[in-house]
Amino acid sequence: MSVLHLTGPVLVDDATVAPEAWVLDGRITFERPRHSGEVTAVAGTVLPGLVDVHCHVGLDSGGATDRDLAVKQAIVDRDAGTLLIRDAGSPLDTAFIHERPELPRLIRSARFIARPKRYLRHYAREIEPHQLPAVAAEEARTGDGWVKLIGDWIDREEGDLSPLWTPEQLADALAAVHAEGARATVHAFSEEAIDPLLDAGIDCIEHGTGMTEEHMRVAARRGIPVVPTLLQVDNFVGYADAGQERFPRYAARMRAMHQRRREQVRAMHDAGVLLLVGTDAGGTLGHGLLPLEAAAMVQAGVPAADVVAAATWRARAFLGVDTLTEGASADLVVYGQDPREDIRALAAPIHVVLRGERVSGTDGAPPA
C-alpha cells in the first residue's frame, strides 16, 4: 500500500500548523512511517476537508429527488472539497449515504418541520403547532443528532414574514430535542423570530438576516453559531419582486435585508459570533458552491483566515467531528496556494482525499 507524504504546510486548527504529514492506511500521521513501499509526495497547503453546514442533499426545486440524483449532488460537493455535510433538512431519507465510502460524510437533520401552507411545498413535514414537541423529538431520533425547524415564513394574511410557532411551543420543542440528546437549528429571516429562539435555547441559526446587535451579542456570549448563507440572501431581490404586487411589506423587508446583507455579516463577525459556512445548496441553488460562499463572506468583510477556519476545523469542532489530528481519518484537501491569503484558492483544489483515497482534484490555479 502506498503512502502519501504531505509536504505541507498542514493546517490542523487555529493554533496548529504542521510542516508535513503522511497518509497511511487511510489515516493521518505526523510521524514518518516505517514503510518500505511506494511514497508519493504531495505538495501544497493542506486543509481538513471543507464543511458545508447548510446543504440539502436529496432536495431539488420540486421536493425530494431520487437516490441517484442525491448521489450526484454529493459528488459535486465532494469534488469541490466539501467532505463533511450537515444536511439542513431533506424530504429524502439519505441515510444510505453513510454506506457509500466515496461520498462525503453526512450529518442528517431528517425532515424540515413547518406548518401547512407556511413553507415551500413538498419540502417539509407539515404539522399543526400543538404537534411540534412530539414531532421534533421524533425527527431527533430519525436524524443524526440534528433537527431543522422553519422558524418564520411569509404569512399571506399578514402580508409579511412572521414566526410559525409561539415561544411556548418552541421552548417545549427544544426541550424535547435536547432530551433526545440532539440539537436544533432554525431557518430565521426576520427579527421577530430571534428572541423566542434565543430564549428557548436554540443551538444554531440559519440566515440570521434580521438579527439585531443585541441578538448578535447574546449569540456570541452563548456560543450559538450563525450560518449567513450569503448566496441564498443574494436571491432576496428576486423573492421581493415576485411578491411585490400582493405583499408589498414583505417585498420591502426582503429588499432591505438584501441591501444590508454584507454589513450584517460583518457586524456578526465583529460581535464575536461564531460564523459557519453553508451554501443552502438544493432547492434553488446548485451544489459545489462552498468556495463561492466563502468568497462572499470575505467580500462582506470577514478576514479570509477566519472564513477558512469556519469552513474547516471550527465547523468540525462544533459538529463533534475530528480534524487532521494524529490517527484521524485522512479527509483533506490540498491547494496550490494558501486560501488564508487568497480565498479564491478554495475554488481550485489540487487533491481531494477522502478516507485516505484521492477522489478528485485538478492542477488548476485560482481564477484571475
Protein backbone atom coordinates (compact mmCIF):
# COMPACT_ATOMS: atom_id res chain seq x y z
CA MET A 1 0.00 0.00 0.00
CA SER A 2 1.35 3.41 -0.97
CA VAL A 3 1.86 6.29 1.41
CA LEU A 4 1.07 9.92 0.71
CA HIS A 5 3.67 12.35 2.01
CA LEU A 6 2.02 15.72 2.50
CA THR A 7 4.88 18.17 2.29
CA GLY A 8 2.75 20.89 3.82
CA PRO A 9 2.08 23.13 5.46
CA VAL A 10 -0.74 21.16 7.11
CA LEU A 11 -3.33 23.35 8.83
CA VAL A 12 -4.82 21.44 11.77
CA ASP A 13 -6.59 24.16 13.77
CA ASP A 14 -6.26 27.79 14.82
CA ALA A 15 -3.12 27.05 16.83
CA THR A 16 -1.51 24.17 14.94
CA VAL A 17 0.26 24.18 11.60
CA ALA A 18 2.43 21.14 10.95
CA PRO A 19 5.27 21.27 8.43
CA GLU A 20 4.36 17.88 6.95
CA ALA A 21 2.25 14.76 7.45
CA TRP A 22 1.63 11.33 5.96
CA VAL A 23 -1.42 9.33 4.95
CA LEU A 24 -1.14 5.63 5.76
CA ASP A 25 -3.97 3.09 5.82
CA GLY A 26 -6.48 5.90 5.41
CA ARG A 27 -5.24 7.77 8.48
CA ILE A 28 -3.23 10.90 9.07
CA THR A 29 0.03 10.71 10.95
CA PHE A 30 2.65 13.28 11.78
CA GLU A 31 5.35 10.70 12.42
CA ARG A 32 7.31 9.44 9.44
CA PRO A 33 6.03 5.89 8.95
CA ARG A 34 8.30 2.89 8.73
CA HIS A 35 7.18 1.79 5.30
CA SER A 36 9.14 0.11 2.55
CA GLY A 37 6.56 0.63 -0.20
CA GLU A 38 5.90 3.50 -2.55
CA VAL A 39 5.76 7.01 -1.11
CA THR A 40 4.06 9.72 -3.16
CA ALA A 41 4.94 13.29 -2.32
CA VAL A 42 2.05 15.77 -2.44
CA ALA A 43 2.99 19.44 -2.31
CA GLY A 44 0.68 22.25 -1.28
CA THR A 45 -1.27 23.77 1.59
CA VAL A 46 -3.33 21.08 3.30
CA LEU A 47 -6.70 21.79 4.95
CA PRO A 48 -9.13 19.48 6.70
CA GLY A 49 -11.97 18.66 4.34
CA LEU A 50 -14.34 21.59 3.91
CA VAL A 51 -17.61 21.58 5.84
CA ASP A 52 -20.92 22.77 4.38
CA VAL A 53 -23.16 23.17 7.42
CA HIS A 54 -26.26 24.17 5.43
CA CYS A 55 -26.69 21.84 2.49
CA HIS A 56 -29.69 19.83 1.25
CA VAL A 57 -28.71 16.54 -0.33
CA GLY A 58 -31.72 14.80 -1.86
CA LEU A 59 -33.68 18.00 -2.48
CA ASP A 60 -34.40 19.97 -5.64
CA SER A 61 -36.96 22.61 -6.58
CA GLY A 62 -39.77 20.05 -6.71
CA GLY A 63 -39.02 18.37 -3.40
CA ALA A 64 -37.35 15.01 -2.85
CA THR A 65 -35.00 13.68 -5.52
CA ASP A 66 -34.32 10.03 -6.20
CA ARG A 67 -31.22 8.38 -4.76
CA ASP A 68 -29.22 8.65 -7.97
CA LEU A 69 -29.58 12.43 -8.11
CA ALA A 70 -28.76 12.72 -4.41
CA VAL A 71 -25.52 10.82 -5.06
CA LYS A 72 -24.67 13.15 -7.94
CA GLN A 73 -25.28 16.16 -5.69
CA ALA A 74 -22.98 14.74 -3.03
CA ILE A 75 -20.25 14.04 -5.58
CA VAL A 76 -20.38 17.61 -6.86
CA ASP A 77 -19.93 18.84 -3.30
CA ARG A 78 -17.09 16.37 -2.71
CA ASP A 79 -15.21 17.37 -5.82
CA ALA A 80 -15.33 20.99 -4.69
CA GLY A 81 -13.57 19.95 -1.46
CA THR A 82 -16.61 19.54 0.81
CA LEU A 83 -16.01 16.31 2.70
CA LEU A 84 -18.43 16.85 5.59
CA ILE A 85 -22.04 17.99 5.16
CA ARG A 86 -24.57 18.86 7.79
CA ASP A 87 -27.72 18.29 5.78
CA ALA A 88 -30.07 21.03 6.95
CA GLY A 89 -33.25 19.15 6.15
CA SER A 90 -34.25 16.87 3.30
CA PRO A 91 -37.51 15.16 2.30
CA LEU A 92 -35.44 12.17 1.10
CA ASP A 93 -34.11 9.64 3.57
CA THR A 94 -30.40 9.99 2.83
CA ALA A 95 -29.16 7.55 5.47
CA PHE A 96 -27.93 5.30 2.65
CA ILE A 97 -25.11 7.78 2.02
CA HIS A 98 -23.47 6.56 5.23
CA GLU A 99 -22.77 3.28 3.44
CA ARG A 100 -21.07 4.91 0.45
CA PRO A 101 -17.37 5.46 1.26
CA GLU A 102 -16.80 7.52 -1.89
CA LEU A 103 -19.32 10.15 -0.73
CA PRO A 104 -18.82 12.94 1.81
CA ARG A 105 -19.55 12.26 5.45
CA LEU A 106 -23.11 13.30 6.22
CA ILE A 107 -24.82 14.54 9.38
CA ARG A 108 -28.55 14.46 8.73
CA SER A 109 -31.21 16.73 10.17
CA ALA A 110 -34.00 14.47 8.85
CA ARG A 111 -37.12 16.34 7.67
CA PHE A 112 -37.70 20.07 7.88
CA ILE A 113 -40.53 20.84 10.30
CA ALA A 114 -43.05 23.50 9.24
CA ARG A 115 -46.74 24.32 9.34
CA PRO A 116 -49.19 23.71 6.48
CA LYS A 117 -49.00 26.43 3.82
CA ARG A 118 -46.19 28.18 5.73
CA TYR A 119 -43.22 26.92 3.75
CA LEU A 120 -42.26 25.66 0.31
CA ARG A 121 -44.46 22.86 -0.96
CA HIS A 122 -43.14 19.27 -0.86
CA TYR A 123 -40.13 20.22 1.29
CA ALA A 124 -41.19 19.88 4.91
CA ARG A 125 -43.08 17.68 7.28
CA GLU A 126 -46.10 19.90 7.78
CA ILE A 127 -47.74 19.74 11.18
CA GLU A 128 -50.10 21.65 13.44
CA PRO A 129 -48.44 23.77 16.13
CA HIS A 130 -49.54 21.59 19.05
CA GLN A 131 -47.69 18.65 17.45
CA LEU A 132 -44.31 20.41 17.42
CA PRO A 133 -42.69 18.93 20.57
CA ALA A 134 -43.60 15.33 19.72
CA VAL A 135 -42.61 15.66 16.07
CA ALA A 136 -39.34 17.41 16.93
CA ALA A 137 -38.44 14.54 19.25
CA GLU A 138 -39.31 12.02 16.55
CA GLU A 139 -37.16 13.77 13.96
CA ALA A 140 -34.35 13.97 16.51
CA ARG A 141 -34.42 10.19 16.74
CA THR A 142 -34.55 9.85 12.94
CA GLY A 143 -31.67 12.17 12.10
CA ASP A 144 -28.02 12.19 13.08
CA GLY A 145 -28.30 14.39 16.15
CA TRP A 146 -29.84 17.43 14.48
CA VAL A 147 -33.34 18.77 13.88
CA LYS A 148 -34.26 21.58 11.46
CA LEU A 149 -37.16 23.91 12.25
CA ILE A 150 -38.66 26.52 9.96
CA GLY A 151 -38.83 29.49 12.28
CA ASP A 152 -40.53 32.04 10.05
CA TRP A 153 -42.02 32.41 6.59
CA ILE A 154 -44.43 34.68 4.82
CA ASP A 155 -47.90 34.81 6.36
CA ARG A 156 -50.17 35.59 3.43
CA GLU A 157 -52.88 37.01 5.67
CA GLU A 158 -50.44 39.45 7.27
CA GLY A 159 -48.55 40.06 4.05
CA ASP A 160 -45.15 39.76 5.68
CA LEU A 161 -42.76 37.40 7.41
CA SER A 162 -43.92 36.12 10.77
CA PRO A 163 -42.95 33.31 13.19
CA LEU A 164 -44.55 29.90 12.76
CA TRP A 165 -44.56 28.95 16.44
CA THR A 166 -45.31 30.55 19.79
CA PRO A 167 -42.49 30.98 22.31
CA GLU A 168 -44.04 28.26 24.45
CA GLN A 169 -44.19 25.80 21.57
CA LEU A 170 -40.55 26.48 20.73
CA ALA A 171 -39.45 26.04 24.33
CA ASP A 172 -41.28 22.73 24.61
CA ALA A 173 -39.92 21.53 21.26
CA LEU A 174 -36.30 22.36 22.04
CA ALA A 175 -36.60 20.74 25.46
CA ALA A 176 -37.83 17.59 23.69
CA VAL A 177 -34.98 17.70 21.17
CA HIS A 178 -32.38 18.16 23.88
CA ALA A 179 -33.91 15.34 25.92
CA GLU A 180 -33.15 13.08 22.94
CA GLY A 181 -29.51 14.17 23.02
CA ALA A 182 -29.90 16.10 19.78
CA ARG A 183 -29.53 19.74 18.76
CA ALA A 184 -31.77 22.02 16.73
CA THR A 185 -31.12 24.63 14.09
CA VAL A 186 -33.65 27.00 12.62
CA HIS A 187 -34.42 28.88 9.43
CA ALA A 188 -34.88 32.50 10.52
CA PHE A 189 -35.06 35.54 8.23
CA SER A 190 -36.96 38.00 10.43
CA GLU A 191 -36.08 39.95 13.55
CA GLU A 192 -39.26 38.81 15.31
CA ALA A 193 -38.27 35.15 15.19
CA ILE A 194 -34.99 35.53 17.05
CA ASP A 195 -35.88 36.44 20.66
CA PRO A 196 -38.11 33.36 21.21
CA LEU A 197 -35.42 31.13 19.70
CA LEU A 198 -32.70 32.51 21.94
CA ASP A 199 -34.98 32.23 24.97
CA ALA A 200 -35.84 28.62 24.08
CA GLY A 201 -32.19 27.56 23.79
CA ILE A 202 -31.68 27.20 20.04
CA ASP A 203 -28.34 25.63 19.08
CA CYS A 204 -27.72 27.25 15.69
CA ILE A 205 -29.33 29.91 13.47
CA GLU A 206 -29.56 29.74 9.69
CA HIS A 207 -29.52 33.01 7.69
CA GLY A 208 -29.97 35.42 10.63
CA THR A 209 -30.74 38.33 8.31
CA GLY A 210 -32.99 40.00 10.87
CA MET A 211 -30.73 39.71 13.91
CA THR A 212 -30.13 42.90 15.84
CA GLU A 213 -26.85 43.88 17.50
CA GLU A 214 -28.26 42.68 20.83
CA HIS A 215 -29.17 39.32 19.28
CA MET A 216 -25.60 39.06 18.00
CA ARG A 217 -24.15 39.79 21.43
CA VAL A 218 -26.33 37.12 23.00
CA ALA A 219 -25.42 34.57 20.31
CA ALA A 220 -21.73 35.36 20.75
CA ARG A 221 -21.91 35.05 24.52
CA ARG A 222 -23.73 31.72 24.35
CA GLY A 223 -21.65 30.26 21.54
CA ILE A 224 -24.60 29.97 19.15
CA PRO A 225 -23.31 29.90 15.56
CA VAL A 226 -24.92 31.68 12.65
CA VAL A 227 -24.76 30.41 9.07
CA PRO A 228 -25.18 33.51 6.86
CA THR A 229 -25.89 31.73 3.51
CA LEU A 230 -24.98 34.83 1.51
CA LEU A 231 -25.55 33.12 -1.83
CA GLN A 232 -29.15 32.49 -0.80
CA VAL A 233 -29.57 36.03 0.53
CA ASP A 234 -28.47 37.25 -2.90
CA ASN A 235 -31.84 35.90 -4.11
CA PHE A 236 -33.87 38.14 -1.80
CA VAL A 237 -34.43 40.77 -4.51
CA GLY A 238 -35.97 38.13 -6.74
CA TYR A 239 -38.24 36.99 -3.90
CA ALA A 240 -39.23 40.61 -3.30
CA ASP A 241 -40.02 41.17 -6.97
CA ALA A 242 -42.20 38.05 -7.03
CA GLY A 243 -44.18 39.21 -4.01
CA GLN A 244 -44.32 42.94 -4.70
CA GLU A 245 -47.87 43.16 -6.03
CA ARG A 246 -49.59 41.07 -3.35
CA PHE A 247 -47.22 41.53 -0.42
CA PRO A 248 -45.53 44.95 -0.57
CA ARG A 249 -44.47 44.93 3.11
CA TYR A 250 -42.78 41.58 2.64
CA ALA A 251 -41.10 42.80 -0.53
CA ALA A 252 -39.77 45.91 1.17
CA ARG A 253 -38.37 43.90 4.07
CA MET A 254 -36.63 41.40 1.79
CA ARG A 255 -35.03 44.22 -0.23
CA ALA A 256 -33.84 45.94 2.94
CA MET A 257 -32.26 42.76 4.27
CA HIS A 258 -30.59 42.18 0.92
CA GLN A 259 -29.21 45.71 0.85
CA ARG A 260 -27.55 45.36 4.24
CA ARG A 261 -26.51 41.71 3.87
CA ARG A 262 -22.76 42.36 3.89
CA GLU A 263 -22.92 44.81 6.78
CA GLN A 264 -25.00 42.25 8.70
CA VAL A 265 -22.38 39.53 8.33
CA ARG A 266 -19.54 41.89 9.17
CA ALA A 267 -21.42 43.02 12.30
CA MET A 268 -21.85 39.39 13.37
CA HIS A 269 -18.14 38.82 12.99
CA ASP A 270 -17.27 41.99 14.88
CA ALA A 271 -19.65 40.96 17.69
CA GLY A 272 -17.77 37.69 18.11
CA VAL A 273 -20.47 35.40 16.70
CA LEU A 274 -19.17 32.04 15.52
CA LEU A 275 -19.86 32.19 11.79
CA LEU A 276 -20.02 28.93 9.88
CA VAL A 277 -20.14 28.40 6.14
CA GLY A 278 -23.21 26.99 4.41
CA THR A 279 -24.34 27.18 0.81
CA ASP A 280 -28.05 26.30 1.13
CA ALA A 281 -27.49 24.03 -1.88
CA GLY A 282 -30.51 22.06 -3.03
CA GLY A 283 -33.83 23.56 -3.98
CA THR A 284 -32.96 26.85 -5.65
CA LEU A 285 -29.15 26.64 -5.55
CA GLY A 286 -26.73 24.17 -7.08
CA HIS A 287 -24.17 22.07 -5.27
CA GLY A 288 -20.41 22.52 -5.05
CA LEU A 289 -20.69 26.22 -4.18
CA LEU A 290 -18.85 26.33 -0.87
CA PRO A 291 -15.80 28.13 -2.34
CA LEU A 292 -18.14 30.83 -3.68
CA GLU A 293 -19.94 31.15 -0.33
CA ALA A 294 -16.57 31.52 1.40
CA ALA A 295 -15.55 34.21 -1.09
CA ALA A 296 -18.83 36.05 -0.46
CA MET A 297 -18.10 36.11 3.26
CA VAL A 298 -14.66 37.60 2.59
CA GLN A 299 -16.28 40.22 0.34
CA ALA A 300 -18.55 41.06 3.27
CA GLY A 301 -15.50 41.90 5.36
CA VAL A 302 -14.75 38.68 7.25
CA PRO A 303 -10.97 38.00 7.14
CA ALA A 304 -10.05 35.12 4.85
CA ALA A 305 -8.24 33.32 7.67
CA ASP A 306 -11.43 33.33 9.75
CA VAL A 307 -13.51 32.09 6.81
CA VAL A 308 -11.07 29.23 6.18
CA ALA A 309 -11.22 28.28 9.86
CA ALA A 310 -15.03 28.50 9.82
CA ALA A 311 -15.20 26.22 6.79
CA THR A 312 -12.88 23.59 8.29
CA TRP A 313 -11.73 22.97 11.86
CA ARG A 314 -14.13 25.32 13.64
CA ALA A 315 -17.14 23.71 11.95
CA ARG A 316 -15.77 20.25 12.69
CA ALA A 317 -15.29 21.14 16.35
CA PHE A 318 -18.85 22.45 16.58
CA LEU A 319 -20.24 19.31 14.95
CA GLY A 320 -18.07 17.00 17.05
CA VAL A 321 -16.08 15.64 14.11
CA ASP A 322 -12.30 15.22 14.19
CA THR A 323 -9.96 17.38 12.17
CA LEU A 324 -6.46 16.42 10.99
CA THR A 325 -5.24 15.12 14.33
CA GLU A 326 -2.97 12.12 14.79
CA GLY A 327 -4.75 8.94 13.72
CA ALA A 328 -7.84 10.69 12.34
CA SER A 329 -9.36 9.74 9.02
CA ALA A 330 -7.43 11.42 6.21
CA ASP A 331 -10.21 13.69 4.93
CA LEU A 332 -8.31 16.59 3.46
CA VAL A 333 -7.89 18.98 0.56
CA VAL A 334 -4.61 20.22 -0.93
CA TYR A 335 -4.31 23.64 -2.55
CA GLY A 336 -1.58 25.24 -4.62
CA GLN A 337 -1.95 28.48 -2.68
CA ASP A 338 -2.86 29.17 0.93
CA PRO A 339 -6.58 30.12 0.95
CA ARG A 340 -5.99 32.25 4.04
CA GLU A 341 -4.00 34.57 1.79
CA ASP A 342 -6.30 34.35 -1.24
CA ILE A 343 -9.75 32.86 -0.63
CA ARG A 344 -10.10 32.19 -4.36
CA ALA A 345 -7.69 29.29 -3.92
CA LEU A 346 -10.58 27.27 -2.43
CA ALA A 347 -12.04 27.05 -5.94
CA ALA A 348 -9.02 25.11 -7.27
CA PRO A 349 -8.19 22.06 -5.14
CA ILE A 350 -5.22 20.07 -6.41
CA HIS A 351 -6.07 16.92 -4.47
CA VAL A 352 -9.23 15.90 -2.63
CA VAL A 353 -8.55 12.97 -0.29
CA LEU A 354 -11.46 11.23 1.44
CA ARG A 355 -10.89 8.38 3.89
CA GLY A 356 -7.30 8.27 2.67
CA GLU A 357 -8.18 7.89 -1.02
CA ARG A 358 -7.65 10.58 -3.64
CA VAL A 359 -11.12 11.07 -5.11
CA SER A 360 -10.76 14.29 -7.09
CA GLY A 361 -8.59 17.26 -7.88
CA THR A 362 -7.16 19.42 -10.61
CA ASP A 363 -3.90 21.06 -11.38
CA GLY A 364 -5.66 24.38 -11.72
CA ALA A 365 -4.86 27.71 -10.14
CA PRO A 366 -7.18 30.23 -8.52
CA PRO A 367 -9.19 32.23 -11.05
CA ALA A 368 -7.73 35.57 -12.01
